[in-house]
């Protein structure tokens, strides 16, 4: 996907990771196939896309990456463990890459996680707001 984009347009400036595998069940109601699905789509998919885009963004000295994921908050875990692990993994990817020099706008890069929409939905669903 990334190589095809660079071949067609000559660069990749933006990546928005908005994964959507959803599984809101307790651990004992989560088959491994569902666990693997949410991990593969959400955390692994984000990791793969970021890893593929970063070399191009570094070469260009410009890139913007937005990861649609919540802050790590254990209040979200009840009944949603597999999903939260996958979404918290996305948050860790965003924070980890930002901490090694790609974030904060330095060198033409900006890397963040965005959680407003997800927080409203999840917290509202759980009755936390």
C-alpha atoms as a PDB file:
ATOM      1  CA  UNK A   1       0.000   0.000   0.000  1.00  0.00           C
ATOM      2  CA  UNK A   2       2.685   2.505   0.992  1.00  0.00           C
ATOM      3  CA  UNK A   3       5.053   1.602  -1.825  1.00  0.00           C
ATOM      4  CA  UNK A   4       2.192   1.905  -4.336  1.00  0.00           C
ATOM      5  CA  UNK A   5       1.325   5.336  -2.922  1.00  0.00           C
ATOM      6  CA  UNK A   6       4.918   6.534  -3.175  1.00  0.00           C
ATOM      7  CA  UNK A   7       5.213   5.111  -6.690  1.00  0.00           C
ATOM      8  CA  UNK A   8       2.032   6.910  -7.794  1.00  0.00           C
ATOM      9  CA  UNK A   9       2.426  10.230  -5.966  1.00  0.00           C
ATOM     10  CA  UNK A  10       6.140  10.382  -5.197  1.00  0.00           C
ATOM     11  CA  UNK A  11       5.689  10.716  -1.430  1.00  0.00           C
ATOM     12  CA  UNK A  12       3.514   9.957   1.564  1.00  0.00           C
ATOM     13  CA  UNK A  13       2.715  12.923   3.792  1.00  0.00           C
ATOM     14  CA  UNK A  14      -0.111  11.667   5.998  1.00  0.00           C
ATOM     15  CA  UNK A  15      -1.090   8.420   7.659  1.00  0.00           C
ATOM     16  CA  UNK A  16      -4.288   8.067   9.660  1.00  0.00           C
ATOM     17  CA  UNK A  17      -4.570   4.821  11.596  1.00  0.00           C
ATOM     18  CA  UNK A  18      -8.266   4.342  12.247  1.00  0.00           C
ATOM     19  CA  UNK A  19      -8.507   0.597  12.771  1.00  0.00           C
ATOM     20  CA  UNK A  20     -11.900  -0.815  13.481  1.00  0.00           C
ATOM     21  CA  UNK A  21     -11.933  -4.409  14.703  1.00  0.00           C
ATOM     22  CA  UNK A  22     -14.335  -4.391  17.629  1.00  0.00           C
ATOM     23  CA  UNK A  23     -14.904  -7.115  20.219  1.00  0.00           C
ATOM     24  CA  UNK A  24     -16.494  -6.103  23.508  1.00  0.00           C
ATOM     25  CA  UNK A  25     -16.736  -9.330  25.482  1.00  0.00           C
ATOM     26  CA  UNK A  26     -15.287 -10.725  28.691  1.00  0.00           C
ATOM     27  CA  UNK A  27     -12.088 -12.768  28.540  1.00  0.00           C
ATOM     28  CA  UNK A  28     -13.959 -16.031  29.084  1.00  0.00           C
ATOM     29  CA  UNK A  29     -16.259 -15.175  26.151  1.00  0.00           C
ATOM     30  CA  UNK A  30     -13.406 -14.330  23.788  1.00  0.00           C
ATOM     31  CA  UNK A  31     -12.198 -17.115  21.504  1.00  0.00           C
ATOM     32  CA  UNK A  32      -8.579 -16.840  20.392  1.00  0.00           C
ATOM     33  CA  UNK A  33      -9.753 -16.220  16.834  1.00  0.00           C
ATOM     34  CA  UNK A  34     -11.477 -12.988  17.963  1.00  0.00           C
ATOM     35  CA  UNK A  35      -8.496 -11.987  20.102  1.00  0.00           C
ATOM     36  CA  UNK A  36      -6.162 -12.532  17.143  1.00  0.00           C
ATOM     37  CA  UNK A  37      -8.497 -10.554  14.874  1.00  0.00           C
ATOM     38  CA  UNK A  38      -8.605  -7.418  17.032  1.00  0.00           C
ATOM     39  CA  UNK A  39      -4.858  -7.592  17.690  1.00  0.00           C
ATOM     40  CA  UNK A  40      -4.098  -8.138  14.010  1.00  0.00           C
ATOM     41  CA  UNK A  41      -6.288  -5.329  12.720  1.00  0.00           C
ATOM     42  CA  UNK A  42      -5.788  -2.735  15.444  1.00  0.00           C
ATOM     43  CA  UNK A  43      -2.306  -3.048  16.973  1.00  0.00           C
ATOM     44  CA  UNK A  44      -0.476  -5.048  14.290  1.00  0.00           C
ATOM     45  CA  UNK A  45      -2.087  -3.133  11.423  1.00  0.00           C
ATOM     46  CA  UNK A  46      -1.093   0.190  12.975  1.00  0.00           C
ATOM     47  CA  UNK A  47       2.453  -1.028  13.604  1.00  0.00           C
ATOM     48  CA  UNK A  48       2.812  -2.297  10.033  1.00  0.00           C
ATOM     49  CA  UNK A  49       1.497   0.916   8.455  1.00  0.00           C
ATOM     50  CA  UNK A  50       3.637   3.166  10.645  1.00  0.00           C
ATOM     51  CA  UNK A  51       6.730   1.039  10.017  1.00  0.00           C
ATOM     52  CA  UNK A  52       6.131   1.223   6.256  1.00  0.00           C
ATOM     53  CA  UNK A  53       5.536   5.008   6.221  1.00  0.00           C
ATOM     54  CA  UNK A  54       8.301   6.211   8.545  1.00  0.00           C
ATOM     55  CA  UNK A  55      11.248   5.633   6.177  1.00  0.00           C
ATOM     56  CA  UNK A  56       9.521   7.689   3.469  1.00  0.00           C
ATOM     57  CA  UNK A  57       8.563  10.434   5.924  1.00  0.00           C
ATOM     58  CA  UNK A  58      12.112  10.591   7.289  1.00  0.00           C
ATOM     59  CA  UNK A  59      13.531  10.791   3.776  1.00  0.00           C
ATOM     60  CA  UNK A  60      11.117  13.648   3.003  1.00  0.00           C
ATOM     61  CA  UNK A  61      11.789  15.293   6.385  1.00  0.00           C
ATOM     62  CA  UNK A  62       8.023  15.606   6.681  1.00  0.00           C
ATOM     63  CA  UNK A  63       5.173  13.435   7.857  1.00  0.00           C
ATOM     64  CA  UNK A  64       1.990  13.490   9.872  1.00  0.00           C
ATOM     65  CA  UNK A  65       0.660  10.395  11.604  1.00  0.00           C
ATOM     66  CA  UNK A  66      -2.587  10.305  13.570  1.00  0.00           C
ATOM     67  CA  UNK A  67      -3.508   7.174  15.491  1.00  0.00           C
ATOM     68  CA  UNK A  68      -7.156   6.899  16.534  1.00  0.00           C
ATOM     69  CA  UNK A  69      -6.773   5.295  19.941  1.00  0.00           C
ATOM     70  CA  UNK A  70      -7.689   5.998  23.565  1.00  0.00           C
ATOM     71  CA  UNK A  71      -5.427   6.939  26.441  1.00  0.00           C
ATOM     72  CA  UNK A  72      -4.359   3.959  28.508  1.00  0.00           C
ATOM     73  CA  UNK A  73      -6.968   3.841  31.260  1.00  0.00           C
ATOM     74  CA  UNK A  74      -7.750   0.682  33.205  1.00  0.00           C
ATOM     75  CA  UNK A  75     -11.345   1.819  33.778  1.00  0.00           C
ATOM     76  CA  UNK A  76     -12.023   0.865  30.155  1.00  0.00           C
ATOM     77  CA  UNK A  77     -10.989  -2.784  30.601  1.00  0.00           C
ATOM     78  CA  UNK A  78     -14.091  -4.303  32.216  1.00  0.00           C
ATOM     79  CA  UNK A  79     -15.730  -6.517  29.611  1.00  0.00           C
ATOM     80  CA  UNK A  80     -13.482  -5.183  26.829  1.00  0.00           C
ATOM     81  CA  UNK A  81     -10.049  -6.689  27.543  1.00  0.00           C
ATOM     82  CA  UNK A  82      -9.106  -7.929  24.045  1.00  0.00           C
ATOM     83  CA  UNK A  83     -10.283  -4.713  22.411  1.00  0.00           C
ATOM     84  CA  UNK A  84      -8.555  -2.486  24.958  1.00  0.00           C
ATOM     85  CA  UNK A  85      -5.280  -4.373  24.670  1.00  0.00           C
ATOM     86  CA  UNK A  86      -5.359  -3.790  20.915  1.00  0.00           C
ATOM     87  CA  UNK A  87      -6.285  -0.102  21.170  1.00  0.00           C
ATOM     88  CA  UNK A  88      -3.831   0.551  24.014  1.00  0.00           C
ATOM     89  CA  UNK A  89      -1.218  -1.090  21.778  1.00  0.00           C
ATOM     90  CA  UNK A  90      -2.004   1.500  19.124  1.00  0.00           C
ATOM     91  CA  UNK A  91      -1.512   4.243  21.712  1.00  0.00           C
ATOM     92  CA  UNK A  92       1.837   2.726  22.727  1.00  0.00           C
ATOM     93  CA  UNK A  93       2.946   2.705  19.089  1.00  0.00           C
ATOM     94  CA  UNK A  94       2.137   6.404  18.779  1.00  0.00           C
ATOM     95  CA  UNK A  95       3.845   7.311  22.034  1.00  0.00           C
ATOM     96  CA  UNK A  96       6.844   5.072  21.413  1.00  0.00           C
ATOM     97  CA  UNK A  97       7.579   6.402  17.948  1.00  0.00           C
ATOM     98  CA  UNK A  98       7.113   9.978  19.146  1.00  0.00           C
ATOM     99  CA  UNK A  99       9.615   9.431  21.972  1.00  0.00           C
ATOM    100  CA  UNK A 100      12.373   8.218  19.644  1.00  0.00           C
ATOM    101  CA  UNK A 101      12.429  11.429  17.692  1.00  0.00           C
ATOM    102  CA  UNK A 102       9.595  11.410  15.199  1.00  0.00           C
ATOM    103  CA  UNK A 103       7.101  13.331  17.280  1.00  0.00           C
ATOM    104  CA  UNK A 104       6.402  16.744  18.634  1.00  0.00           C
ATOM    105  CA  UNK A 105       6.818  18.469  15.283  1.00  0.00           C
ATOM    106  CA  UNK A 106      10.614  18.225  15.367  1.00  0.00           C
ATOM    107  CA  UNK A 107      12.234  17.830  11.983  1.00  0.00           C
ATOM    108  CA  UNK A 108       8.952  18.227  10.154  1.00  0.00           C
ATOM    109  CA  UNK A 109       7.263  15.296  11.919  1.00  0.00           C
ATOM    110  CA  UNK A 110       4.178  15.197  14.040  1.00  0.00           C
ATOM    111  CA  UNK A 111       2.984  11.992  15.646  1.00  0.00           C
ATOM    112  CA  UNK A 112       0.042  11.783  18.017  1.00  0.00           C
ATOM    113  CA  UNK A 113      -2.838   9.671  19.154  1.00  0.00           C
ATOM    114  CA  UNK A 114      -6.332  11.081  18.998  1.00  0.00           C
ATOM    115  CA  UNK A 115      -8.941   9.801  21.359  1.00  0.00           C
ATOM    116  CA  UNK A 116     -11.792  12.296  21.652  1.00  0.00           C
ATOM    117  CA  UNK A 117     -14.317  10.362  19.549  1.00  0.00           C
ATOM    118  CA  UNK A 118     -13.381   6.999  21.027  1.00  0.00           C
ATOM    119  CA  UNK A 119     -13.382   8.354  24.567  1.00  0.00           C
ATOM    120  CA  UNK A 120     -16.879   9.757  24.164  1.00  0.00           C
ATOM    121  CA  UNK A 121     -18.190   6.473  22.746  1.00  0.00           C
ATOM    122  CA  UNK A 122     -16.417   4.152  25.191  1.00  0.00           C
ATOM    123  CA  UNK A 123     -16.873   6.254  28.304  1.00  0.00           C
ATOM    124  CA  UNK A 124     -20.510   6.897  27.392  1.00  0.00           C
ATOM    125  CA  UNK A 125     -21.079   3.176  26.829  1.00  0.00           C
ATOM    126  CA  UNK A 126     -19.542   2.367  30.196  1.00  0.00           C
ATOM    127  CA  UNK A 127     -21.432   5.149  31.967  1.00  0.00           C
ATOM    128  CA  UNK A 128     -18.207   6.918  32.943  1.00  0.00           C
ATOM    129  CA  UNK A 129     -19.250  10.296  31.548  1.00  0.00           C
END
